[in-house]
Amino acid sequence: MPRKQKFTRRAERKKSMPSRSELPGKISRNKFTKALIRLGFVIDKKGGDGSHCKVTWSATQKSITIQSDLRKDVLYYLLKEIEEHSGVTWEDIKEEL
C-alpha cells in the first residue's frame, strides 16, 4: 500500500507544475524577482559578477540562485525549486507578474 500512496502524492505534486510549453519563452529577471519580492522572498544582489542573484525564502532561509537569462528550461527548474522550498506555485507568481 505505501507505494501507491507515494505515487499518488507525486502525481498530486506534479499537477501544480506547468509543462514547459505553458511557460513564457523569455521573461526578464527583474520582472520575475519583483514578483517574488511581492510574494515574500528576499533578494540579495551582492557578490558575484552581477549575472546572478540570490533569492531567499525567509520562513525556511532556503536560497535559490537566479541567473540573468531565464529561458524556459531555466525557468522550469527555478519554479520546481521555488515550489519545493516555499510552496509558492507558478500560478501565484503569474498573478504577481
C-alpha atoms as a PDB file:
ATOM      1  CA  MET A   1       0.000   0.000   0.000  1.00  0.00           C
ATOM      2  CA  PRO A   2       2.645   2.645   0.816  1.00  0.00           C
ATOM      3  CA  ARG A   3       3.893   2.582  -2.771  1.00  0.00           C
ATOM      4  CA  LYS A   4       0.502   3.562  -4.068  1.00  0.00           C
ATOM      5  CA  GLN A   5       0.294   6.496  -1.641  1.00  0.00           C
ATOM      6  CA  LYS A   6       3.749   7.708  -2.642  1.00  0.00           C
ATOM      7  CA  PHE A   7       2.774   7.572  -6.327  1.00  0.00           C
ATOM      8  CA  THR A   8      -0.447   9.455  -5.639  1.00  0.00           C
ATOM      9  CA  ARG A   9       1.430  12.172  -3.759  1.00  0.00           C
ATOM     10  CA  ARG A  10       3.868  12.597  -6.648  1.00  0.00           C
ATOM     11  CA  ALA A  11       1.001  12.826  -9.127  1.00  0.00           C
ATOM     12  CA  GLU A  12      -0.709  15.474  -6.986  1.00  0.00           C
ATOM     13  CA  ARG A  13       2.510  17.447  -6.632  1.00  0.00           C
ATOM     14  CA  LYS A  14       3.188  17.430 -10.364  1.00  0.00           C
ATOM     15  CA  LYS A  15      -0.244  18.868 -11.144  1.00  0.00           C
ATOM     16  CA  SER A  16       0.810  22.293  -9.873  1.00  0.00           C
ATOM     17  CA  MET A  17       3.892  22.436 -12.136  1.00  0.00           C
ATOM     18  CA  PRO A  18       3.171  23.741 -15.636  1.00  0.00           C
ATOM     19  CA  SER A  19       4.502  21.971 -18.679  1.00  0.00           C
ATOM     20  CA  ARG A  20       7.385  23.671 -20.440  1.00  0.00           C
ATOM     21  CA  SER A  21       5.123  24.601 -23.343  1.00  0.00           C
ATOM     22  CA  GLU A  22       2.930  26.613 -20.941  1.00  0.00           C
ATOM     23  CA  LEU A  23       5.862  28.767 -19.778  1.00  0.00           C
ATOM     24  CA  PRO A  24       6.715  32.056 -21.486  1.00  0.00           C
ATOM     25  CA  GLY A  25       9.591  31.942 -23.987  1.00  0.00           C
ATOM     26  CA  LYS A  26      11.625  34.510 -22.121  1.00  0.00           C
ATOM     27  CA  ILE A  27      10.961  36.611 -19.065  1.00  0.00           C
ATOM     28  CA  SER A  28      13.125  39.377 -17.626  1.00  0.00           C
ATOM     29  CA  ARG A  29      14.873  38.581 -14.370  1.00  0.00           C
ATOM     30  CA  ASN A  30      13.932  41.987 -12.997  1.00  0.00           C
ATOM     31  CA  LYS A  31      10.206  41.369 -13.562  1.00  0.00           C
ATOM     32  CA  PHE A  32      10.499  37.836 -12.138  1.00  0.00           C
ATOM     33  CA  THR A  33      12.360  38.943  -8.987  1.00  0.00           C
ATOM     34  CA  LYS A  34       9.884  41.784  -8.354  1.00  0.00           C
ATOM     35  CA  ALA A  35       7.063  39.235  -8.409  1.00  0.00           C
ATOM     36  CA  LEU A  36       8.995  37.069  -5.921  1.00  0.00           C
ATOM     37  CA  ILE A  37       9.529  40.064  -3.625  1.00  0.00           C
ATOM     38  CA  ARG A  38       5.759  40.692  -3.609  1.00  0.00           C
ATOM     39  CA  LEU A  39       5.287  37.050  -2.570  1.00  0.00           C
ATOM     40  CA  GLY A  40       7.661  37.361   0.394  1.00  0.00           C
ATOM     41  CA  PHE A  41      11.101  36.423  -0.928  1.00  0.00           C
ATOM     42  CA  VAL A  42      14.230  38.412  -0.048  1.00  0.00           C
ATOM     43  CA  ILE A  43      16.576  39.296  -2.929  1.00  0.00           C
ATOM     44  CA  ASP A  44      20.340  39.648  -2.471  1.00  0.00           C
ATOM     45  CA  LYS A  45      22.232  41.050  -5.461  1.00  0.00           C
ATOM     46  CA  LYS A  46      25.551  41.458  -3.619  1.00  0.00           C
ATOM     47  CA  GLY A  47      28.588  39.406  -4.571  1.00  0.00           C
ATOM     48  CA  GLY A  48      29.471  37.711  -7.815  1.00  0.00           C
ATOM     49  CA  ASP A  49      29.814  39.434 -11.148  1.00  0.00           C
ATOM     50  CA  GLY A  50      26.212  40.613 -11.393  1.00  0.00           C
ATOM     51  CA  SER A  51      24.885  37.889 -13.669  1.00  0.00           C
ATOM     52  CA  HIS A  52      23.225  36.012 -10.782  1.00  0.00           C
ATOM     53  CA  CYS A  53      21.201  36.987  -7.727  1.00  0.00           C
ATOM     54  CA  LYS A  54      20.244  35.024  -4.634  1.00  0.00           C
ATOM     55  CA  VAL A  55      16.579  34.677  -3.637  1.00  0.00           C
ATOM     56  CA  THR A  56      15.822  33.562  -0.074  1.00  0.00           C
ATOM     57  CA  TRP A  57      12.543  32.345   1.380  1.00  0.00           C
ATOM     58  CA  SER A  58      12.531  33.962   4.818  1.00  0.00           C
ATOM     59  CA  ALA A  59      10.471  31.312   6.615  1.00  0.00           C
ATOM     60  CA  THR A  60      12.965  28.496   5.950  1.00  0.00           C
ATOM     61  CA  GLN A  61      16.091  30.504   4.984  1.00  0.00           C
ATOM     62  CA  LYS A  62      16.421  28.337   1.854  1.00  0.00           C
ATOM     63  CA  SER A  63      18.005  30.159  -1.053  1.00  0.00           C
ATOM     64  CA  ILE A  64      17.873  29.793  -4.829  1.00  0.00           C
ATOM     65  CA  THR A  65      20.257  31.371  -7.334  1.00  0.00           C
ATOM     66  CA  ILE A  66      18.643  33.086 -10.317  1.00  0.00           C
ATOM     67  CA  GLN A  67      20.728  33.758 -13.393  1.00  0.00           C
ATOM     68  CA  SER A  68      20.135  36.649 -15.760  1.00  0.00           C
ATOM     69  CA  ASP A  69      18.997  34.558 -18.746  1.00  0.00           C
ATOM     70  CA  LEU A  70      15.626  32.983 -17.869  1.00  0.00           C
ATOM     71  CA  ARG A  71      14.970  30.585 -20.740  1.00  0.00           C
ATOM     72  CA  LYS A  72      12.135  28.046 -20.489  1.00  0.00           C
ATOM     73  CA  ASP A  73      14.345  25.246 -19.187  1.00  0.00           C
ATOM     74  CA  VAL A  74      15.918  27.506 -16.547  1.00  0.00           C
ATOM     75  CA  LEU A  75      12.543  28.915 -15.509  1.00  0.00           C
ATOM     76  CA  TYR A  76      11.109  25.398 -15.184  1.00  0.00           C
ATOM     77  CA  TYR A  77      13.970  24.358 -12.887  1.00  0.00           C
ATOM     78  CA  LEU A  78      13.597  27.540 -10.798  1.00  0.00           C
ATOM     79  CA  LEU A  79       9.859  27.002 -10.410  1.00  0.00           C
ATOM     80  CA  LYS A  80      10.470  23.480  -9.148  1.00  0.00           C
ATOM     81  CA  GLU A  81      12.987  24.774  -6.599  1.00  0.00           C
ATOM     82  CA  ILE A  82      10.742  27.655  -5.508  1.00  0.00           C
ATOM     83  CA  GLU A  83       7.744  25.373  -5.020  1.00  0.00           C
ATOM     84  CA  GLU A  84       9.834  22.822  -3.123  1.00  0.00           C
ATOM     85  CA  HIS A  85      11.314  25.391  -0.709  1.00  0.00           C
ATOM     86  CA  SER A  86       8.361  27.718  -0.208  1.00  0.00           C
ATOM     87  CA  GLY A  87       5.158  26.217  -1.588  1.00  0.00           C
ATOM     88  CA  VAL A  88       4.738  29.188  -3.958  1.00  0.00           C
ATOM     89  CA  THR A  89       3.418  27.924  -7.301  1.00  0.00           C
ATOM     90  CA  TRP A  90       3.695  29.220 -10.862  1.00  0.00           C
ATOM     91  CA  GLU A  91       0.067  30.365 -10.634  1.00  0.00           C
ATOM     92  CA  ASP A  92       0.961  32.550  -7.624  1.00  0.00           C
ATOM     93  CA  ILE A  93       3.942  34.035  -9.477  1.00  0.00           C
ATOM     94  CA  LYS A  94       1.901  34.636 -12.654  1.00  0.00           C
ATOM     95  CA  GLU A  95      -0.614  36.683 -10.665  1.00  0.00           C
ATOM     96  CA  GLU A  96       2.182  38.967  -9.470  1.00  0.00           C
ATOM     97  CA  LEU A  97       3.878  39.443 -12.870  1.00  0.00           C
END
